[in-house]
Amino acid sequence: MVERVLIVEDETKLAALLRDYLVQEGYEVTVLHRGDEVEPWVGGHEVDLVLLDLMLPGKNGLDVCKALRATGDVAIIMVTARVDEIDRLLGLELGADDYICKPFSPREVVARVKAVLRRSRRGERAPEGGVKLDEAGYRATIAGRDLGLTAVEFQLLKVLADHPGRIYTRDQLMDAMYRDERVVADRTVDSHIKKIRRKIAAVLPEREIVHSVYGVGYKYEW
């Protein structure tokens, strides 16, 4: 089945370039240039992924992302030239699946689109047989066995497991762990990750599910 991508980008030449690259990869592509056109269009069409620019006329990308998340489960990749917005783009309150910073190469965009759609097809947001998370009790289990995580460790693992394959920086993980804006050392995340890995290994010694990404941060993959 042909997968459908919606590009929302007000730079017409860039939108056309991305459309051409994605069409060459076999995707069915639609282009919109205004943020206030997105919700009406999505309401009347099937779409698998939205490539959504942050700065748009009519309605900005953050508000469009929130609206799409409130009404459906379409995959969303945010595009931004504002590095200071990255934490918000990947924040739990928005739920974007990935982000790309301008300037970028069209090949990078194609690779990101393929990766996000592949995760969606495999249902990796709730992987079968993966870590089960009980938010009410701050309890994480694998195959019915409690990992014995602390509250902070549980929150850290939940952030990673909610979006398998997504790479989080240490700063993004610290923001999710400590909502009270306390000042903590960068290596605090590393310490918690080591403890989580040790507790997972006690239950599941044959595999690693929390992965280090050199120079960037961490990701969860079952």
N, C-alpha and C. Protein backbone atom coordinates (compact mmCIF):
# COMPACT_ATOMS: atom_id res chain seq x y z
N MET A 1 0.83 -1.19 0.00
CA MET A 1 0.00 0.00 0.00
C MET A 1 0.88 1.25 0.00
N VAL A 2 0.54 2.22 -0.82
CA VAL A 2 1.32 3.45 -0.90
C VAL A 2 1.07 4.29 0.35
N GLU A 3 2.15 4.74 0.98
CA GLU A 3 2.02 5.57 2.17
C GLU A 3 1.93 7.04 1.78
N ARG A 4 1.13 7.78 2.55
CA ARG A 4 0.80 9.16 2.19
C ARG A 4 1.47 10.14 3.14
N VAL A 5 2.16 11.12 2.55
CA VAL A 5 2.87 12.13 3.33
C VAL A 5 2.30 13.50 3.00
N LEU A 6 2.04 14.28 4.04
CA LEU A 6 1.61 15.66 3.87
C LEU A 6 2.76 16.57 4.26
N ILE A 7 3.22 17.42 3.34
CA ILE A 7 4.25 18.42 3.62
C ILE A 7 3.56 19.75 3.87
N VAL A 8 3.86 20.36 5.00
CA VAL A 8 3.32 21.69 5.32
C VAL A 8 4.52 22.63 5.45
N GLU A 9 4.75 23.41 4.41
CA GLU A 9 5.95 24.24 4.32
C GLU A 9 5.64 25.46 3.47
N ASP A 10 5.92 26.67 4.01
CA ASP A 10 5.58 27.89 3.27
C ASP A 10 6.66 28.30 2.28
N GLU A 11 7.85 27.70 2.36
CA GLU A 11 8.88 27.96 1.34
C GLU A 11 8.58 27.05 0.15
N THR A 12 8.03 27.63 -0.91
CA THR A 12 7.50 26.82 -2.01
C THR A 12 8.57 25.99 -2.72
N LYS A 13 9.77 26.56 -2.88
CA LYS A 13 10.83 25.81 -3.57
C LYS A 13 11.29 24.63 -2.73
N LEU A 14 11.41 24.85 -1.43
CA LEU A 14 11.81 23.76 -0.54
C LEU A 14 10.74 22.68 -0.50
N ALA A 15 9.48 23.09 -0.44
CA ALA A 15 8.38 22.11 -0.43
C ALA A 15 8.38 21.27 -1.70
N ALA A 16 8.61 21.92 -2.84
CA ALA A 16 8.63 21.20 -4.11
C ALA A 16 9.80 20.22 -4.18
N LEU A 17 10.95 20.64 -3.63
CA LEU A 17 12.12 19.76 -3.63
C LEU A 17 11.87 18.53 -2.78
N LEU A 18 11.32 18.73 -1.58
CA LEU A 18 11.03 17.60 -0.70
C LEU A 18 9.99 16.68 -1.33
N ARG A 19 8.97 17.28 -1.95
CA ARG A 19 7.95 16.47 -2.61
C ARG A 19 8.57 15.59 -3.68
N ASP A 20 9.46 16.15 -4.49
CA ASP A 20 10.09 15.37 -5.57
C ASP A 20 10.89 14.20 -5.01
N TYR A 21 11.65 14.44 -3.96
CA TYR A 21 12.45 13.37 -3.37
C TYR A 21 11.56 12.27 -2.80
N LEU A 22 10.49 12.65 -2.12
CA LEU A 22 9.61 11.65 -1.51
C LEU A 22 8.81 10.88 -2.56
N VAL A 23 8.39 11.56 -3.61
CA VAL A 23 7.69 10.88 -4.71
C VAL A 23 8.61 9.85 -5.35
N GLN A 24 9.88 10.20 -5.52
CA GLN A 24 10.85 9.25 -6.09
C GLN A 24 10.99 8.00 -5.24
N GLU A 25 10.73 8.13 -3.94
CA GLU A 25 10.81 6.98 -3.03
C GLU A 25 9.51 6.21 -2.97
N GLY A 26 8.52 6.64 -3.74
CA GLY A 26 7.27 5.89 -3.82
C GLY A 26 6.15 6.37 -2.93
N TYR A 27 6.32 7.51 -2.28
CA TYR A 27 5.26 8.03 -1.42
C TYR A 27 4.27 8.87 -2.22
N GLU A 28 3.04 8.89 -1.75
CA GLU A 28 2.03 9.79 -2.29
C GLU A 28 2.09 11.08 -1.48
N VAL A 29 2.36 12.21 -2.13
CA VAL A 29 2.68 13.44 -1.40
C VAL A 29 1.72 14.57 -1.75
N THR A 30 1.27 15.27 -0.72
CA THR A 30 0.47 16.49 -0.85
C THR A 30 1.23 17.62 -0.17
N VAL A 31 1.15 18.82 -0.73
CA VAL A 31 1.83 19.98 -0.16
C VAL A 31 0.80 21.05 0.21
N LEU A 32 0.92 21.57 1.42
CA LEU A 32 0.16 22.73 1.86
C LEU A 32 1.15 23.80 2.31
N HIS A 33 0.76 25.07 2.17
CA HIS A 33 1.68 26.16 2.50
C HIS A 33 1.26 26.98 3.71
N ARG A 34 0.09 26.69 4.28
CA ARG A 34 -0.41 27.44 5.43
C ARG A 34 -0.82 26.50 6.57
N GLY A 35 -0.56 26.95 7.80
CA GLY A 35 -0.90 26.12 8.94
C GLY A 35 -2.40 25.94 9.13
N ASP A 36 -3.18 26.98 8.79
CA ASP A 36 -4.63 26.88 9.00
C ASP A 36 -5.33 26.03 7.95
N GLU A 37 -4.56 25.52 6.97
CA GLU A 37 -5.15 24.60 5.99
C GLU A 37 -5.05 23.13 6.42
N VAL A 38 -4.24 22.86 7.43
CA VAL A 38 -3.89 21.47 7.74
C VAL A 38 -5.06 20.68 8.30
N GLU A 39 -5.68 21.20 9.36
CA GLU A 39 -6.75 20.44 10.01
C GLU A 39 -7.92 20.15 9.07
N PRO A 40 -8.42 21.12 8.28
CA PRO A 40 -9.48 20.79 7.33
C PRO A 40 -9.06 19.74 6.32
N TRP A 41 -7.81 19.82 5.87
CA TRP A 41 -7.35 18.84 4.87
C TRP A 41 -7.26 17.45 5.50
N VAL A 42 -6.64 17.35 6.67
CA VAL A 42 -6.49 16.05 7.33
C VAL A 42 -7.86 15.46 7.66
N GLY A 43 -8.83 16.32 7.97
CA GLY A 43 -10.17 15.83 8.28
C GLY A 43 -10.85 15.14 7.13
N GLY A 44 -10.41 15.43 5.90
CA GLY A 44 -11.05 14.84 4.73
C GLY A 44 -10.19 13.88 3.94
N HIS A 45 -8.97 13.60 4.42
CA HIS A 45 -8.04 12.74 3.68
C HIS A 45 -7.30 11.79 4.62
N GLU A 46 -6.88 10.66 4.07
CA GLU A 46 -6.04 9.73 4.81
C GLU A 46 -4.58 10.17 4.68
N VAL A 47 -3.85 10.16 5.78
CA VAL A 47 -2.45 10.54 5.75
C VAL A 47 -1.70 9.73 6.79
N ASP A 48 -0.48 9.31 6.45
CA ASP A 48 0.32 8.49 7.36
C ASP A 48 1.33 9.32 8.14
N LEU A 49 1.83 10.41 7.53
CA LEU A 49 2.84 11.22 8.19
C LEU A 49 2.71 12.66 7.74
N VAL A 50 2.89 13.59 8.68
CA VAL A 50 2.88 15.02 8.37
C VAL A 50 4.28 15.56 8.63
N LEU A 51 4.87 16.17 7.61
CA LEU A 51 6.15 16.86 7.72
C LEU A 51 5.82 18.33 7.91
N LEU A 52 5.95 18.81 9.13
CA LEU A 52 5.32 20.06 9.56
C LEU A 52 6.34 21.12 9.94
N ASP A 53 6.38 22.22 9.20
CA ASP A 53 7.27 23.32 9.51
C ASP A 53 6.79 24.04 10.76
N LEU A 54 7.72 24.60 11.52
CA LEU A 54 7.35 25.31 12.75
C LEU A 54 6.74 26.67 12.47
N MET A 55 7.38 27.44 11.60
CA MET A 55 6.94 28.81 11.32
C MET A 55 6.08 28.82 10.06
N LEU A 56 4.79 28.99 10.23
CA LEU A 56 3.85 28.95 9.12
C LEU A 56 2.89 30.13 9.20
N PRO A 57 2.43 30.62 8.06
CA PRO A 57 1.36 31.63 8.09
C PRO A 57 0.03 30.98 8.45
N GLY A 58 -0.85 31.77 9.05
CA GLY A 58 -2.19 31.27 9.37
C GLY A 58 -2.27 30.62 10.73
N LYS A 59 -1.35 29.68 11.01
CA LYS A 59 -1.32 28.97 12.28
C LYS A 59 0.04 28.33 12.42
N ASN A 60 0.71 28.53 13.55
CA ASN A 60 2.08 28.01 13.66
C ASN A 60 2.09 26.50 13.86
N GLY A 61 3.25 25.91 13.59
CA GLY A 61 3.38 24.47 13.62
C GLY A 61 3.13 23.84 14.97
N LEU A 62 3.48 24.53 16.06
CA LEU A 62 3.23 23.99 17.39
C LEU A 62 1.75 23.81 17.65
N ASP A 63 0.96 24.82 17.27
CA ASP A 63 -0.49 24.72 17.47
C ASP A 63 -1.11 23.66 16.56
N VAL A 64 -0.58 23.55 15.34
CA VAL A 64 -1.07 22.51 14.42
C VAL A 64 -0.76 21.13 14.98
N CYS A 65 0.45 20.96 15.51
CA CYS A 65 0.85 19.67 16.10
C CYS A 65 -0.07 19.29 17.25
N LYS A 66 -0.34 20.26 18.14
CA LYS A 66 -1.24 19.99 19.26
C LYS A 66 -2.62 19.57 18.78
N ALA A 67 -3.12 20.26 17.76
CA ALA A 67 -4.45 19.94 17.25
C ALA A 67 -4.50 18.54 16.63
N LEU A 68 -3.46 18.18 15.88
CA LEU A 68 -3.42 16.85 15.26
C LEU A 68 -3.32 15.76 16.32
N ARG A 69 -2.54 16.01 17.36
CA ARG A 69 -2.40 15.03 18.43
C ARG A 69 -3.70 14.84 19.20
N ALA A 70 -4.49 15.91 19.29
CA ALA A 70 -5.74 15.84 20.04
C ALA A 70 -6.81 15.06 19.31
N THR A 71 -6.67 14.93 17.99
CA THR A 71 -7.73 14.31 17.19
C THR A 71 -7.32 13.02 16.49
N GLY A 72 -6.04 12.65 16.53
CA GLY A 72 -5.63 11.46 15.81
C GLY A 72 -4.25 10.99 16.19
N ASP A 73 -3.76 9.98 15.47
CA ASP A 73 -2.50 9.34 15.80
C ASP A 73 -1.52 9.39 14.64
N VAL A 74 -1.67 10.37 13.75
CA VAL A 74 -0.79 10.48 12.60
C VAL A 74 0.63 10.78 13.06
N ALA A 75 1.62 10.20 12.39
CA ALA A 75 3.02 10.48 12.70
C ALA A 75 3.36 11.91 12.28
N ILE A 76 4.17 12.59 13.10
CA ILE A 76 4.50 13.98 12.85
C ILE A 76 6.00 14.19 12.98
N ILE A 77 6.61 14.77 11.94
CA ILE A 77 8.00 15.22 12.01
C ILE A 77 7.99 16.74 11.92
N MET A 78 8.51 17.41 12.95
CA MET A 78 8.57 18.85 12.96
C MET A 78 9.85 19.33 12.27
N VAL A 79 9.74 20.44 11.55
CA VAL A 79 10.89 21.05 10.88
C VAL A 79 11.07 22.44 11.45
N THR A 80 12.30 22.75 11.89
CA THR A 80 12.52 24.05 12.51
C THR A 80 13.89 24.61 12.19
N ALA A 81 13.99 25.92 12.14
CA ALA A 81 15.27 26.61 12.06
C ALA A 81 15.64 27.19 13.41
N ARG A 82 14.78 26.97 14.42
CA ARG A 82 14.97 27.54 15.76
C ARG A 82 15.42 26.45 16.72
N VAL A 83 16.71 26.42 16.98
CA VAL A 83 17.26 25.38 17.83
C VAL A 83 16.68 25.45 19.24
N ASP A 84 16.31 26.65 19.69
CA ASP A 84 15.78 26.80 21.04
C ASP A 84 14.41 26.15 21.21
N GLU A 85 13.77 25.77 20.12
CA GLU A 85 12.45 25.14 20.20
C GLU A 85 12.52 23.62 20.25
N ILE A 86 13.71 23.03 20.10
CA ILE A 86 13.80 21.58 19.95
C ILE A 86 13.22 20.84 21.15
N ASP A 87 13.53 21.30 22.37
CA ASP A 87 13.00 20.61 23.55
C ASP A 87 11.49 20.60 23.56
N ARG A 88 10.87 21.71 23.12
CA ARG A 88 9.42 21.78 23.09
C ARG A 88 8.86 20.85 22.01
N LEU A 89 9.57 20.77 20.88
CA LEU A 89 9.07 19.94 19.79
C LEU A 89 8.98 18.48 20.19
N LEU A 90 9.95 18.04 20.98
CA LEU A 90 9.97 16.64 21.40
C LEU A 90 9.37 16.46 22.79
N GLY A 91 8.79 17.51 23.34
CA GLY A 91 8.23 17.44 24.67
C GLY A 91 7.04 16.51 24.75
N LEU A 92 6.79 16.02 25.96
CA LEU A 92 5.68 15.10 26.15
C LEU A 92 4.34 15.75 25.84
N GLU A 93 4.27 17.07 26.03
CA GLU A 93 2.99 17.74 25.82
C GLU A 93 2.65 17.89 24.34
N LEU A 94 3.63 17.79 23.46
CA LEU A 94 3.35 17.93 22.02
C LEU A 94 3.30 16.57 21.33
N GLY A 95 4.27 15.72 21.63
CA GLY A 95 4.23 14.38 21.08
C GLY A 95 4.65 14.26 19.63
N ALA A 96 5.49 15.18 19.12
CA ALA A 96 6.04 15.00 17.78
C ALA A 96 6.91 13.76 17.78
N ASP A 97 6.93 13.03 16.66
CA ASP A 97 7.69 11.79 16.59
C ASP A 97 9.17 12.02 16.31
N ASP A 98 9.50 13.15 15.70
CA ASP A 98 10.89 13.45 15.39
C ASP A 98 10.97 14.92 15.01
N TYR A 99 12.18 15.43 14.87
CA TYR A 99 12.36 16.80 14.40
C TYR A 99 13.56 16.85 13.47
N ILE A 100 13.57 17.84 12.59
CA ILE A 100 14.70 18.09 11.69
C ILE A 100 15.01 19.57 11.74
N CYS A 101 16.29 19.90 11.85
CA CYS A 101 16.71 21.31 11.89
C CYS A 101 17.16 21.78 10.51
N LYS A 102 16.70 22.96 10.13
CA LYS A 102 17.20 23.60 8.93
C LYS A 102 18.56 24.21 9.21
N PRO A 103 19.48 24.22 8.23
CA PRO A 103 19.34 23.61 6.91
C PRO A 103 19.57 22.10 6.96
N PHE A 104 18.96 21.39 6.03
CA PHE A 104 19.10 19.94 5.98
C PHE A 104 19.18 19.51 4.52
N SER A 105 19.59 18.25 4.32
CA SER A 105 19.58 17.70 2.97
C SER A 105 18.27 16.95 2.75
N PRO A 106 17.73 16.98 1.54
CA PRO A 106 16.51 16.22 1.27
C PRO A 106 16.66 14.73 1.58
N ARG A 107 17.86 14.20 1.39
CA ARG A 107 18.09 12.78 1.69
C ARG A 107 17.92 12.50 3.18
N GLU A 108 18.34 13.44 4.02
CA GLU A 108 18.15 13.27 5.46
C GLU A 108 16.66 13.22 5.79
N VAL A 109 15.88 14.09 5.14
CA VAL A 109 14.44 14.11 5.38
C VAL A 109 13.82 12.77 4.97
N VAL A 110 14.20 12.27 3.82
CA VAL A 110 13.67 10.99 3.35
C VAL A 110 14.01 9.88 4.35
N ALA A 111 15.24 9.88 4.86
CA ALA A 111 15.66 8.86 5.82
C ALA A 111 14.83 8.95 7.10
N ARG A 112 14.57 10.17 7.57
CA ARG A 112 13.77 10.34 8.78
C ARG A 112 12.33 9.89 8.56
N VAL A 113 11.78 10.23 7.41
CA VAL A 113 10.40 9.81 7.08
C VAL A 113 10.31 8.29 7.07
N LYS A 114 11.27 7.64 6.42
CA LYS A 114 11.28 6.18 6.37
C LYS A 114 11.35 5.58 7.77
N ALA A 115 12.21 6.15 8.63
CA ALA A 115 12.40 5.60 9.97
C ALA A 115 11.13 5.74 10.81
N VAL A 116 10.49 6.91 10.76
CA VAL A 116 9.28 7.12 11.56
C VAL A 116 8.14 6.23 11.07
N LEU A 117 7.98 6.13 9.76
CA LEU A 117 6.92 5.28 9.22
C LEU A 117 7.18 3.81 9.51
N ARG A 118 8.45 3.42 9.48
CA ARG A 118 8.79 2.03 9.80
C ARG A 118 8.42 1.71 11.24
N ARG A 119 8.71 2.65 12.16
CA ARG A 119 8.34 2.43 13.56
C ARG A 119 6.83 2.36 13.72
N SER A 120 6.11 3.20 12.98
CA SER A 120 4.65 3.20 13.07
C SER A 120 4.08 1.88 12.57
N ARG A 121 4.63 1.36 11.46
CA ARG A 121 4.15 0.10 10.90
C ARG A 121 4.37 -1.05 11.87
N ARG A 122 5.49 -1.02 12.58
CA ARG A 122 5.81 -2.11 13.51
C ARG A 122 5.15 -1.92 14.85
N GLY A 123 4.42 -0.81 15.00
CA GLY A 123 3.71 -0.58 16.26
C GLY A 123 4.64 -0.40 17.43
N GLU A 124 5.76 0.27 17.24
CA GLU A 124 6.77 0.34 18.28
C GLU A 124 6.41 1.29 19.41
N ARG A 125 5.30 1.99 19.31
CA ARG A 125 4.91 2.83 20.44
C ARG A 125 4.48 1.97 21.63
N ALA A 126 3.98 0.79 21.35
CA ALA A 126 3.62 -0.14 22.42
C ALA A 126 4.06 -1.54 21.99
N PRO A 127 5.36 -1.81 22.02
CA PRO A 127 5.89 -3.06 21.46
C PRO A 127 5.41 -4.28 22.22
N GLU A 128 5.01 -5.29 21.50
CA GLU A 128 4.55 -6.54 22.10
C GLU A 128 5.70 -7.19 22.85
N GLY A 129 5.45 -7.54 24.09
CA GLY A 129 6.47 -8.19 24.88
C GLY A 129 7.50 -7.25 25.45
N GLY A 130 7.32 -5.95 25.31
CA GLY A 130 8.28 -5.00 25.82
C GLY A 130 8.06 -4.68 27.28
N VAL A 131 8.62 -3.57 27.71
CA VAL A 131 8.45 -3.12 29.09
C VAL A 131 7.01 -2.65 29.28
N LYS A 132 6.36 -3.12 30.32
CA LYS A 132 5.01 -2.69 30.67
C LYS A 132 5.12 -1.63 31.76
N LEU A 133 4.46 -0.51 31.55
CA LEU A 133 4.58 0.61 32.47
C LEU A 133 3.25 0.90 33.14
N ASP A 134 3.25 0.85 34.45
CA ASP A 134 2.07 1.19 35.26
C ASP A 134 2.31 2.56 35.87
N GLU A 135 1.72 3.60 35.24
CA GLU A 135 1.98 4.97 35.67
C GLU A 135 1.43 5.24 37.07
N ALA A 136 0.30 4.67 37.39
CA ALA A 136 -0.31 4.93 38.70
C ALA A 136 0.59 4.44 39.83
N GLY A 137 1.23 3.29 39.61
CA GLY A 137 2.07 2.72 40.66
C GLY A 137 3.55 2.91 40.45
N TYR A 138 3.93 3.66 39.38
CA TYR A 138 5.36 3.85 39.04
C TYR A 138 6.07 2.50 39.03
N ARG A 139 5.45 1.56 38.32
CA ARG A 139 5.96 0.19 38.31
C ARG A 139 6.23 -0.24 36.87
N ALA A 140 7.45 -0.72 36.62
CA ALA A 140 7.82 -1.22 35.30
C ALA A 140 8.11 -2.71 35.41
N THR A 141 7.53 -3.48 34.47
CA THR A 141 7.73 -4.93 34.50
C THR A 141 8.14 -5.44 33.12
N ILE A 142 8.88 -6.52 33.11
CA ILE A 142 9.20 -7.27 31.89
C ILE A 142 8.82 -8.71 32.14
N ALA A 143 7.96 -9.25 31.28
CA ALA A 143 7.48 -10.63 31.43
C ALA A 143 6.92 -10.86 32.84
N GLY A 144 6.24 -9.83 33.37
CA GLY A 144 5.61 -9.95 34.67
C GLY A 144 6.52 -9.74 35.85
N ARG A 145 7.80 -9.51 35.62
CA ARG A 145 8.75 -9.34 36.72
C ARG A 145 9.02 -7.85 36.94
N ASP A 146 8.87 -7.40 38.16
CA ASP A 146 9.04 -6.01 38.52
C ASP A 146 10.52 -5.63 38.46
N LEU A 147 10.82 -4.50 37.82
CA LEU A 147 12.20 -4.05 37.71
C LEU A 147 12.68 -3.33 38.97
N GLY A 148 11.75 -2.92 39.83
CA GLY A 148 12.14 -2.25 41.05
C GLY A 148 12.76 -0.88 40.83
N LEU A 149 12.18 -0.10 39.91
CA LEU A 149 12.71 1.22 39.59
C LEU A 149 12.28 2.25 40.64
N THR A 150 13.14 3.24 40.85
CA THR A 150 12.74 4.39 41.64
C THR A 150 11.80 5.26 40.79
N ALA A 151 11.18 6.27 41.41
CA ALA A 151 10.26 7.13 40.66
C ALA A 151 10.97 7.86 39.53
N VAL A 152 12.18 8.33 39.79
CA VAL A 152 12.94 9.04 38.75
C VAL A 152 13.33 8.08 37.64
N GLU A 153 13.77 6.89 37.99
CA GLU A 153 14.14 5.90 36.98
C GLU A 153 12.93 5.51 36.14
N PHE A 154 11.78 5.36 36.77
CA PHE A 154 10.56 5.04 36.04
C PHE A 154 10.24 6.14 35.04
N GLN A 155 10.30 7.39 35.47
CA GLN A 155 9.98 8.50 34.58
C GLN A 155 10.94 8.54 33.40
N LEU A 156 12.22 8.31 33.65
CA LEU A 156 13.22 8.32 32.59
C LEU A 156 12.95 7.20 31.58
N LEU A 157 12.69 6.00 32.06
CA LEU A 157 12.41 4.88 31.16
C LEU A 157 11.12 5.12 30.38
N LYS A 158 10.13 5.71 31.02
CA LYS A 158 8.86 5.97 30.34
C LYS A 158 9.05 6.94 29.18
N VAL A 159 9.82 7.99 29.39
CA VAL A 159 10.08 8.94 28.30
C VAL A 159 10.69 8.23 27.10
N LEU A 160 11.67 7.38 27.35
CA LEU A 160 12.33 6.65 26.27
C LEU A 160 11.39 5.63 25.62
N ALA A 161 10.69 4.86 26.45
CA ALA A 161 9.86 3.77 25.93
C ALA A 161 8.61 4.27 25.21
N ASP A 162 8.14 5.46 25.54
CA ASP A 162 6.96 6.00 24.87
C ASP A 162 7.22 6.30 23.40
N HIS A 163 8.49 6.50 23.05
CA HIS A 163 8.83 6.82 21.66
C HIS A 163 10.05 6.00 21.23
N PRO A 164 9.85 4.71 20.98
CA PRO A 164 10.97 3.84 20.62
C PRO A 164 11.70 4.34 19.38
N GLY A 165 13.01 4.28 19.42
CA GLY A 165 13.82 4.70 18.29
C GLY A 165 14.16 6.17 18.29
N ARG A 166 13.43 6.97 19.03
CA ARG A 166 13.72 8.41 19.08
C ARG A 166 14.91 8.64 19.99
N ILE A 167 15.83 9.47 19.54
CA ILE A 167 17.02 9.79 20.32
C ILE A 167 16.76 11.04 21.15
N TYR A 168 17.00 10.91 22.46
CA TYR A 168 16.84 12.03 23.37
C TYR A 168 18.21 12.49 23.87
N THR A 169 18.42 13.80 23.91
CA THR A 169 19.64 14.33 24.52
C THR A 169 19.52 14.26 26.03
N ARG A 170 20.64 14.42 26.72
CA ARG A 170 20.61 14.43 28.19
C ARG A 170 19.75 15.58 28.70
N ASP A 171 19.84 16.75 28.06
CA ASP A 171 19.06 17.89 28.51
C ASP A 171 17.56 17.61 28.41
N GLN A 172 17.13 16.98 27.32
CA GLN A 172 15.72 16.66 27.16
C GLN A 172 15.26 15.68 28.22
N LEU A 173 16.11 14.70 28.53
CA LEU A 173 15.74 13.72 29.54
C LEU A 173 15.71 14.35 30.93
N MET A 174 16.64 15.25 31.22
CA MET A 174 16.63 15.92 32.52
C MET A 174 15.39 16.78 32.68
N ASP A 175 14.97 17.45 31.60
CA ASP A 175 13.75 18.26 31.67
C ASP A 175 12.54 17.40 31.99
N ALA A 176 12.52 16.19 31.43
CA ALA A 176 11.38 15.30 31.68
C ALA A 176 11.42 14.72 33.08
N MET A 177 12.62 14.50 33.61
CA MET A 177 12.76 13.89 34.93
C MET A 177 12.52 14.89 36.06
N TYR A 178 12.99 16.11 35.85
CA TYR A 178 12.94 17.11 36.92
C TYR A 178 12.13 18.31 36.45
N ARG A 179 10.83 18.28 36.67
CA ARG A 179 9.94 19.35 36.23
C ARG A 179 10.05 20.61 37.09
N ASP A 180 10.74 20.51 38.24
CA ASP A 180 10.83 21.66 39.14
C ASP A 180 12.01 22.57 38.82
N GLU A 181 12.65 22.33 37.67
CA GLU A 181 13.72 23.19 37.16
C GLU A 181 14.94 23.24 38.08
N ARG A 182 15.15 22.17 38.87
CA ARG A 182 16.35 22.14 39.70
C ARG A 182 17.58 22.02 38.81
N VAL A 183 18.74 22.44 39.31
CA VAL A 183 19.99 22.34 38.56
C VAL A 183 20.66 21.03 38.93
N VAL A 184 20.90 20.21 37.92
CA VAL A 184 21.57 18.92 38.15
C VAL A 184 22.68 18.75 37.13
N ALA A 185 23.63 17.90 37.44
CA ALA A 185 24.77 17.67 36.55
C ALA A 185 24.34 16.85 35.35
N ASP A 186 25.04 17.08 34.22
CA ASP A 186 24.74 16.35 32.99
C ASP A 186 24.83 14.85 33.19
N ARG A 187 25.78 14.41 34.01
CA ARG A 187 26.01 12.98 34.16
C ARG A 187 25.01 12.30 35.07
N THR A 188 24.09 13.08 35.62
CA THR A 188 23.02 12.49 36.43
C THR A 188 22.21 11.50 35.59
N VAL A 189 21.91 11.87 34.35
CA VAL A 189 21.17 10.98 33.46
C VAL A 189 21.96 9.69 33.23
N ASP A 190 23.27 9.81 33.00
CA ASP A 190 24.10 8.62 32.78
C ASP A 190 24.03 7.67 33.98
N SER A 191 24.05 8.24 35.17
CA SER A 191 23.99 7.42 36.38
C SER A 191 22.67 6.66 36.47
N HIS A 192 21.57 7.36 36.18
CA HIS A 192 20.26 6.70 36.22
C HIS A 192 20.15 5.63 35.13
N ILE A 193 20.69 5.92 33.95
CA ILE A 193 20.64 4.93 32.86
C ILE A 193 21.39 3.66 33.26
N LYS A 194 22.56 3.81 33.88
CA LYS A 194 23.32 2.64 34.33
C LYS A 194 22.50 1.78 35.29
N LYS A 195 21.81 2.45 36.22
CA LYS A 195 20.99 1.71 37.19
C LYS A 195 19.82 1.01 36.51
N ILE A 196 19.19 1.70 35.55
CA ILE A 196 18.08 1.08 34.81
C ILE A 196 18.57 -0.14 34.04
N ARG A 197 19.70 0.01 33.37
CA ARG A 197 20.25 -1.12 32.59
C ARG A 197 20.57 -2.30 33.51
N ARG A 198 21.12 -2.02 34.67
CA ARG A 198 21.47 -3.09 35.60
C ARG A 198 20.22 -3.83 36.06
N LYS A 199 19.15 -3.09 36.32
CA LYS A 199 17.91 -3.71 36.78
C LYS A 199 17.23 -4.50 35.65
N ILE A 200 17.32 -3.97 34.41
CA ILE A 200 16.77 -4.71 33.26
C ILE A 200 17.57 -5.99 33.04
N ALA A 201 18.91 -5.89 33.16
CA ALA A 201 19.77 -7.06 32.92
C ALA A 201 19.50 -8.17 33.93
N ALA A 202 19.07 -7.79 35.12
CA ALA A 202 18.76 -8.82 36.13
C ALA A 202 17.55 -9.65 35.73
N VAL A 203 16.67 -9.05 34.92
CA VAL A 203 15.46 -9.74 34.46
C VAL A 203 15.63 -10.28 33.05
N LEU A 204 16.38 -9.54 32.24
CA LEU A 204 16.52 -9.86 30.82
C LEU A 204 18.00 -9.77 30.43
N PRO A 205 18.81 -10.73 30.85
CA PRO A 205 20.27 -10.62 30.67
C PRO A 205 20.74 -10.74 29.24
N GLU A 206 19.91 -11.28 28.37
CA GLU A 206 20.38 -11.59 27.02
C GLU A 206 20.27 -10.43 26.03
N ARG A 207 19.69 -9.30 26.44
CA ARG A 207 19.55 -8.22 25.47
C ARG A 207 19.59 -6.85 26.14
N GLU A 208 19.95 -5.86 25.31
CA GLU A 208 19.99 -4.47 25.76
C GLU A 208 18.88 -3.70 25.07
N ILE A 209 18.11 -2.93 25.82
CA ILE A 209 16.99 -2.20 25.22
C ILE A 209 17.12 -0.69 25.36
N VAL A 210 18.01 -0.22 26.25
CA VAL A 210 18.30 1.20 26.35
C VAL A 210 19.69 1.42 25.76
N HIS A 211 19.75 2.11 24.64
CA HIS A 211 20.98 2.22 23.86
C HIS A 211 21.59 3.62 23.97
N SER A 212 22.92 3.66 24.04
CA SER A 212 23.64 4.93 23.98
C SER A 212 23.85 5.32 22.53
N VAL A 213 23.69 6.60 22.24
CA VAL A 213 23.99 7.14 20.91
C VAL A 213 25.15 8.11 21.10
N TYR A 214 26.30 7.74 20.63
CA TYR A 214 27.54 8.47 20.93
C TYR A 214 27.43 9.95 20.59
N GLY A 215 27.75 10.78 21.56
CA GLY A 215 27.78 12.22 21.35
C GLY A 215 26.42 12.88 21.37
N VAL A 216 25.34 12.09 21.54
CA VAL A 216 23.99 12.67 21.49
C VAL A 216 23.22 12.37 22.78
N GLY A 217 22.92 11.10 23.02
CA GLY A 217 22.11 10.77 24.19
C GLY A 217 21.73 9.30 24.21
N TYR A 218 20.41 9.04 24.36
CA TYR A 218 19.94 7.68 24.53
C TYR A 218 18.65 7.44 23.75
N LYS A 219 18.39 6.16 23.47
CA LYS A 219 17.12 5.77 22.85
C LYS A 219 16.72 4.39 23.36
N TYR A 220 15.45 4.08 23.23
CA TYR A 220 14.89 2.79 23.62
C TYR A 220 14.54 2.02 22.36
N GLU A 221 14.98 0.79 22.29
CA GLU A 221 14.56 -0.11 21.20
C GLU A 221 14.41 -1.50 21.76
N TRP A 222 13.25 -2.10 21.56
CA TRP A 222 12.99 -3.45 22.06
C TRP A 222 13.51 -4.47 21.08
